[in-house]
Amino acid sequence: MPENGGPTGEVQELVTLAEIARRVVDLGYAQTMTRERVSQLSKTDPNWPVPRESWKKLGPYFQIPWPPIEEYFRNRKPVHGVHRSKRETGANDAALNQRRDDQPNE
């Protein structure tokens, strides 16, 4: 939804978190993306370009200017971590590896 961007009369396209997630995948910036992940990035990534205070509330949805978000995802280098489920089993994996090390070689 376009909105008057200021005194120059420029039109700024606004998108929701769900629309950001859809576009990020459609444009090939990420293989998968969810509304929840976009929200998480907005809270935790210091490079997030649009502060939450400047989001516009429309009913139950927030609307965010698309151009700086598109640039953010186009230039973003994702940091890949270990999925939570794998972290939780990490102690079990270490114990299993220790048992394997204790086995005599055949």
N, C-alpha and C. Protein backbone atom coordinates (compact mmCIF):
# COMPACT_ATOMS: atom_id res chain seq x y z
N MET A 1 0.84 -1.17 0.00
CA MET A 1 0.00 0.00 0.00
C MET A 1 0.89 1.23 0.00
N PRO A 2 0.82 2.05 -1.02
CA PRO A 2 1.66 3.24 -1.08
C PRO A 2 1.23 4.29 -0.06
N GLU A 3 2.17 5.07 0.36
CA GLU A 3 1.88 6.16 1.28
C GLU A 3 2.74 7.35 0.90
N ASN A 4 2.22 8.54 1.09
CA ASN A 4 2.98 9.74 0.82
C ASN A 4 4.19 9.76 1.75
N GLY A 5 5.38 9.80 1.17
CA GLY A 5 6.60 9.68 1.95
C GLY A 5 7.10 10.96 2.56
N GLY A 6 6.58 12.09 2.20
CA GLY A 6 7.07 13.32 2.79
C GLY A 6 6.89 14.50 1.87
N PRO A 7 7.64 15.57 2.14
CA PRO A 7 7.45 16.82 1.41
C PRO A 7 7.75 16.70 -0.08
N THR A 8 8.57 15.75 -0.48
CA THR A 8 8.89 15.62 -1.90
C THR A 8 7.77 14.92 -2.65
N GLY A 9 6.79 14.36 -1.92
CA GLY A 9 5.67 13.68 -2.55
C GLY A 9 6.00 12.28 -3.01
N GLU A 10 7.18 11.76 -2.64
CA GLU A 10 7.54 10.41 -3.06
C GLU A 10 6.59 9.40 -2.42
N VAL A 11 6.27 8.37 -3.15
CA VAL A 11 5.38 7.33 -2.67
C VAL A 11 6.23 6.19 -2.12
N GLN A 12 5.90 5.76 -0.92
CA GLN A 12 6.66 4.69 -0.29
C GLN A 12 5.75 3.48 -0.10
N GLU A 13 6.18 2.34 -0.62
CA GLU A 13 5.40 1.12 -0.51
C GLU A 13 5.56 0.53 0.89
N LEU A 14 4.43 0.22 1.54
CA LEU A 14 4.46 -0.38 2.87
C LEU A 14 4.04 -1.84 2.77
N VAL A 15 4.69 -2.69 3.56
CA VAL A 15 4.39 -4.12 3.56
C VAL A 15 4.30 -4.63 4.99
N THR A 16 3.61 -5.75 5.16
CA THR A 16 3.49 -6.40 6.46
C THR A 16 4.65 -7.38 6.65
N LEU A 17 4.78 -7.89 7.86
CA LEU A 17 5.82 -8.88 8.13
C LEU A 17 5.65 -10.13 7.26
N ALA A 18 4.40 -10.57 7.10
CA ALA A 18 4.14 -11.75 6.27
C ALA A 18 4.51 -11.49 4.81
N GLU A 19 4.21 -10.29 4.33
CA GLU A 19 4.54 -9.94 2.94
C GLU A 19 6.05 -9.85 2.76
N ILE A 20 6.76 -9.35 3.76
CA ILE A 20 8.23 -9.32 3.70
C ILE A 20 8.75 -10.74 3.55
N ALA A 21 8.26 -11.65 4.38
CA ALA A 21 8.71 -13.04 4.33
C ALA A 21 8.47 -13.64 2.95
N ARG A 22 7.28 -13.41 2.39
CA ARG A 22 6.95 -13.96 1.07
C ARG A 22 7.88 -13.40 0.00
N ARG A 23 8.09 -12.09 0.02
CA ARG A 23 8.94 -11.46 -1.00
C ARG A 23 10.38 -11.90 -0.90
N VAL A 24 10.88 -12.05 0.31
CA VAL A 24 12.27 -12.47 0.51
C VAL A 24 12.51 -13.83 -0.15
N VAL A 25 11.55 -14.72 -0.02
CA VAL A 25 11.67 -16.04 -0.66
C VAL A 25 11.49 -15.91 -2.17
N ASP A 26 10.45 -15.19 -2.60
CA ASP A 26 10.18 -15.02 -4.03
C ASP A 26 11.36 -14.39 -4.78
N LEU A 27 12.04 -13.45 -4.14
CA LEU A 27 13.18 -12.78 -4.77
C LEU A 27 14.48 -13.58 -4.65
N GLY A 28 14.44 -14.69 -3.92
CA GLY A 28 15.62 -15.55 -3.79
C GLY A 28 16.64 -15.08 -2.78
N TYR A 29 16.25 -14.19 -1.88
CA TYR A 29 17.18 -13.72 -0.85
C TYR A 29 17.35 -14.75 0.26
N ALA A 30 16.39 -15.66 0.40
CA ALA A 30 16.46 -16.75 1.38
C ALA A 30 15.62 -17.90 0.84
N GLN A 31 16.00 -19.13 1.21
CA GLN A 31 15.22 -20.29 0.77
C GLN A 31 13.90 -20.37 1.51
N THR A 32 13.92 -20.01 2.78
CA THR A 32 12.70 -19.99 3.58
C THR A 32 12.71 -18.74 4.44
N MET A 33 11.52 -18.27 4.78
CA MET A 33 11.40 -17.12 5.68
C MET A 33 9.97 -17.11 6.20
N THR A 34 9.84 -16.78 7.47
CA THR A 34 8.52 -16.69 8.09
C THR A 34 8.33 -15.29 8.67
N ARG A 35 7.09 -14.97 8.92
CA ARG A 35 6.76 -13.69 9.56
C ARG A 35 7.46 -13.61 10.92
N GLU A 36 7.49 -14.73 11.62
CA GLU A 36 8.13 -14.77 12.94
C GLU A 36 9.63 -14.50 12.84
N ARG A 37 10.27 -15.04 11.81
CA ARG A 37 11.71 -14.82 11.64
C ARG A 37 11.99 -13.36 11.29
N VAL A 38 11.14 -12.76 10.47
CA VAL A 38 11.31 -11.34 10.14
C VAL A 38 11.20 -10.51 11.42
N SER A 39 10.21 -10.82 12.24
CA SER A 39 10.03 -10.11 13.50
C SER A 39 11.26 -10.28 14.40
N GLN A 40 11.78 -11.50 14.46
CA GLN A 40 12.96 -11.77 15.27
C GLN A 40 14.16 -10.96 14.78
N LEU A 41 14.37 -10.92 13.47
CA LEU A 41 15.48 -10.14 12.92
C LEU A 41 15.32 -8.66 13.26
N SER A 42 14.09 -8.17 13.21
CA SER A 42 13.86 -6.76 13.51
C SER A 42 14.22 -6.42 14.95
N LYS A 43 14.13 -7.41 15.83
CA LYS A 43 14.43 -7.19 17.25
C LYS A 43 15.90 -7.41 17.58
N THR A 44 16.57 -8.31 16.84
CA THR A 44 17.90 -8.74 17.26
C THR A 44 19.05 -8.31 16.36
N ASP A 45 18.77 -7.99 15.10
CA ASP A 45 19.85 -7.64 14.19
C ASP A 45 20.12 -6.13 14.26
N PRO A 46 21.32 -5.75 14.67
CA PRO A 46 21.62 -4.31 14.77
C PRO A 46 21.61 -3.61 13.40
N ASN A 47 21.65 -4.37 12.32
CA ASN A 47 21.63 -3.78 10.98
C ASN A 47 20.22 -3.62 10.42
N TRP A 48 19.20 -4.00 11.20
CA TRP A 48 17.82 -3.87 10.73
C TRP A 48 17.56 -2.39 10.42
N PRO A 49 17.08 -2.09 9.21
CA PRO A 49 17.05 -0.69 8.77
C PRO A 49 15.89 0.18 9.23
N VAL A 50 14.81 -0.41 9.71
CA VAL A 50 13.63 0.39 10.06
C VAL A 50 13.30 0.16 11.53
N PRO A 51 13.55 1.12 12.39
CA PRO A 51 13.26 0.93 13.82
C PRO A 51 11.77 0.69 14.04
N ARG A 52 11.48 -0.15 15.01
CA ARG A 52 10.08 -0.53 15.29
C ARG A 52 9.21 0.69 15.61
N GLU A 53 9.80 1.73 16.17
CA GLU A 53 9.03 2.93 16.51
C GLU A 53 8.46 3.60 15.26
N SER A 54 9.07 3.37 14.11
CA SER A 54 8.58 4.02 12.89
C SER A 54 7.65 3.12 12.07
N TRP A 55 7.35 1.93 12.55
CA TRP A 55 6.38 1.07 11.88
C TRP A 55 5.00 1.69 12.04
N LYS A 56 4.15 1.49 11.07
CA LYS A 56 2.78 2.00 11.14
C LYS A 56 1.84 0.86 11.50
N LYS A 57 0.95 1.11 12.43
CA LYS A 57 -0.01 0.10 12.87
C LYS A 57 -1.31 0.30 12.11
N LEU A 58 -1.80 -0.77 11.47
CA LEU A 58 -3.06 -0.73 10.75
C LEU A 58 -3.85 -1.96 11.19
N GLY A 59 -4.82 -1.75 12.07
CA GLY A 59 -5.55 -2.89 12.64
C GLY A 59 -4.57 -3.74 13.43
N PRO A 60 -4.58 -5.05 13.20
CA PRO A 60 -3.67 -5.92 13.95
C PRO A 60 -2.28 -6.04 13.31
N TYR A 61 -2.06 -5.34 12.19
CA TYR A 61 -0.82 -5.50 11.44
C TYR A 61 0.07 -4.28 11.53
N PHE A 62 1.37 -4.53 11.40
CA PHE A 62 2.33 -3.45 11.26
C PHE A 62 2.68 -3.33 9.79
N GLN A 63 2.88 -2.11 9.34
CA GLN A 63 3.31 -1.88 7.97
C GLN A 63 4.64 -1.16 8.01
N ILE A 64 5.54 -1.65 7.16
CA ILE A 64 6.93 -1.21 7.17
C ILE A 64 7.31 -0.81 5.74
N PRO A 65 8.09 0.26 5.56
CA PRO A 65 8.53 0.64 4.22
C PRO A 65 9.35 -0.48 3.57
N TRP A 66 8.97 -0.86 2.35
CA TRP A 66 9.64 -1.97 1.67
C TRP A 66 11.05 -1.63 1.16
N PRO A 67 11.32 -0.48 0.56
CA PRO A 67 12.65 -0.27 -0.04
C PRO A 67 13.84 -0.53 0.89
N PRO A 68 13.86 -0.01 2.13
CA PRO A 68 15.03 -0.30 2.97
C PRO A 68 15.08 -1.77 3.41
N ILE A 69 13.92 -2.40 3.53
CA ILE A 69 13.88 -3.82 3.92
C ILE A 69 14.40 -4.68 2.78
N GLU A 70 14.00 -4.33 1.55
CA GLU A 70 14.48 -5.09 0.39
C GLU A 70 15.99 -4.98 0.28
N GLU A 71 16.52 -3.79 0.47
CA GLU A 71 17.97 -3.60 0.42
C GLU A 71 18.67 -4.39 1.52
N TYR A 72 18.10 -4.39 2.71
CA TYR A 72 18.66 -5.15 3.83
C TYR A 72 18.79 -6.63 3.47
N PHE A 73 17.72 -7.23 2.97
CA PHE A 73 17.76 -8.66 2.65
C PHE A 73 18.64 -8.94 1.43
N ARG A 74 18.67 -8.03 0.48
CA ARG A 74 19.52 -8.22 -0.70
C ARG A 74 20.99 -8.28 -0.29
N ASN A 75 21.38 -7.48 0.69
CA ASN A 75 22.78 -7.40 1.10
C ASN A 75 23.12 -8.26 2.31
N ARG A 76 22.13 -8.89 2.90
CA ARG A 76 22.32 -9.65 4.14
C ARG A 76 23.11 -10.93 3.91
N LYS A 77 24.06 -11.16 4.78
CA LYS A 77 24.82 -12.41 4.78
C LYS A 77 24.36 -13.22 5.98
N PRO A 78 23.51 -14.22 5.76
CA PRO A 78 22.96 -14.96 6.90
C PRO A 78 24.05 -15.66 7.71
N VAL A 79 23.84 -15.70 9.01
CA VAL A 79 24.71 -16.43 9.90
C VAL A 79 24.02 -17.73 10.22
N HIS A 80 24.66 -18.82 9.86
CA HIS A 80 24.04 -20.12 10.09
C HIS A 80 24.52 -20.66 11.43
N GLY A 81 23.58 -21.06 12.23
CA GLY A 81 23.89 -21.61 13.54
C GLY A 81 23.42 -23.04 13.63
N VAL A 82 23.46 -23.55 14.81
CA VAL A 82 23.01 -24.91 15.06
C VAL A 82 21.56 -24.83 15.51
N HIS A 83 20.70 -25.61 14.88
CA HIS A 83 19.29 -25.62 15.24
C HIS A 83 19.14 -26.03 16.70
N ARG A 84 18.16 -25.45 17.36
CA ARG A 84 17.93 -25.71 18.79
C ARG A 84 17.82 -27.21 19.07
N SER A 85 17.14 -27.96 18.23
CA SER A 85 16.97 -29.40 18.48
C SER A 85 18.31 -30.11 18.48
N LYS A 86 19.26 -29.64 17.68
CA LYS A 86 20.58 -30.26 17.65
C LYS A 86 21.40 -29.83 18.86
N ARG A 87 21.21 -28.59 19.32
CA ARG A 87 21.92 -28.14 20.53
C ARG A 87 21.49 -28.96 21.72
N GLU A 88 20.17 -29.24 21.80
CA GLU A 88 19.65 -29.98 22.95
C GLU A 88 20.19 -31.40 22.99
N THR A 89 20.49 -31.99 21.84
CA THR A 89 21.01 -33.35 21.82
C THR A 89 22.54 -33.37 21.83
N GLY A 90 23.15 -32.20 21.82
CA GLY A 90 24.61 -32.13 21.79
C GLY A 90 25.26 -32.91 22.91
N ALA A 91 24.72 -32.84 24.13
CA ALA A 91 25.29 -33.59 25.25
C ALA A 91 25.16 -35.08 25.00
N ASN A 92 24.03 -35.51 24.45
CA ASN A 92 23.85 -36.92 24.13
C ASN A 92 24.82 -37.37 23.06
N ASP A 93 25.07 -36.53 22.05
CA ASP A 93 26.02 -36.87 21.00
C ASP A 93 27.42 -37.04 21.57
N ALA A 94 27.81 -36.15 22.48
CA ALA A 94 29.13 -36.24 23.09
C ALA A 94 29.28 -37.55 23.86
N ALA A 95 28.23 -37.92 24.59
CA ALA A 95 28.27 -39.18 25.35
C ALA A 95 28.36 -40.36 24.40
N LEU A 96 27.61 -40.34 23.30
CA LEU A 96 27.66 -41.42 22.33
C LEU A 96 29.04 -41.51 21.70
N ASN A 97 29.62 -40.39 21.33
CA ASN A 97 30.96 -40.39 20.75
C ASN A 97 31.99 -40.93 21.73
N GLN A 98 31.84 -40.59 23.00
CA GLN A 98 32.77 -41.10 24.02
C GLN A 98 32.66 -42.61 24.11
N ARG A 99 31.44 -43.15 24.09
CA ARG A 99 31.27 -44.60 24.13
C ARG A 99 31.90 -45.25 22.92
N ARG A 100 31.77 -44.63 21.76
CA ARG A 100 32.38 -45.18 20.53
C ARG A 100 33.89 -45.19 20.66
N ASP A 101 34.44 -44.12 21.25
CA ASP A 101 35.89 -44.07 21.42
C ASP A 101 36.39 -45.13 22.37
N ASP A 102 35.55 -45.53 23.32
CA ASP A 102 35.94 -46.53 24.30
C ASP A 102 35.89 -47.95 23.73
N GLN A 103 35.22 -48.12 22.59
CA GLN A 103 35.09 -49.45 22.00
C GLN A 103 36.41 -49.86 21.35
N PRO A 104 36.81 -51.13 21.49
CA PRO A 104 38.04 -51.58 20.82
C PRO A 104 37.82 -51.60 19.30
N ASN A 105 38.90 -51.29 18.58
CA ASN A 105 38.82 -51.33 17.11
C ASN A 105 38.77 -52.76 16.64
N GLU A 106 37.95 -53.02 15.66
CA GLU A 106 37.84 -54.39 15.15
C GLU A 106 38.53 -54.54 13.85
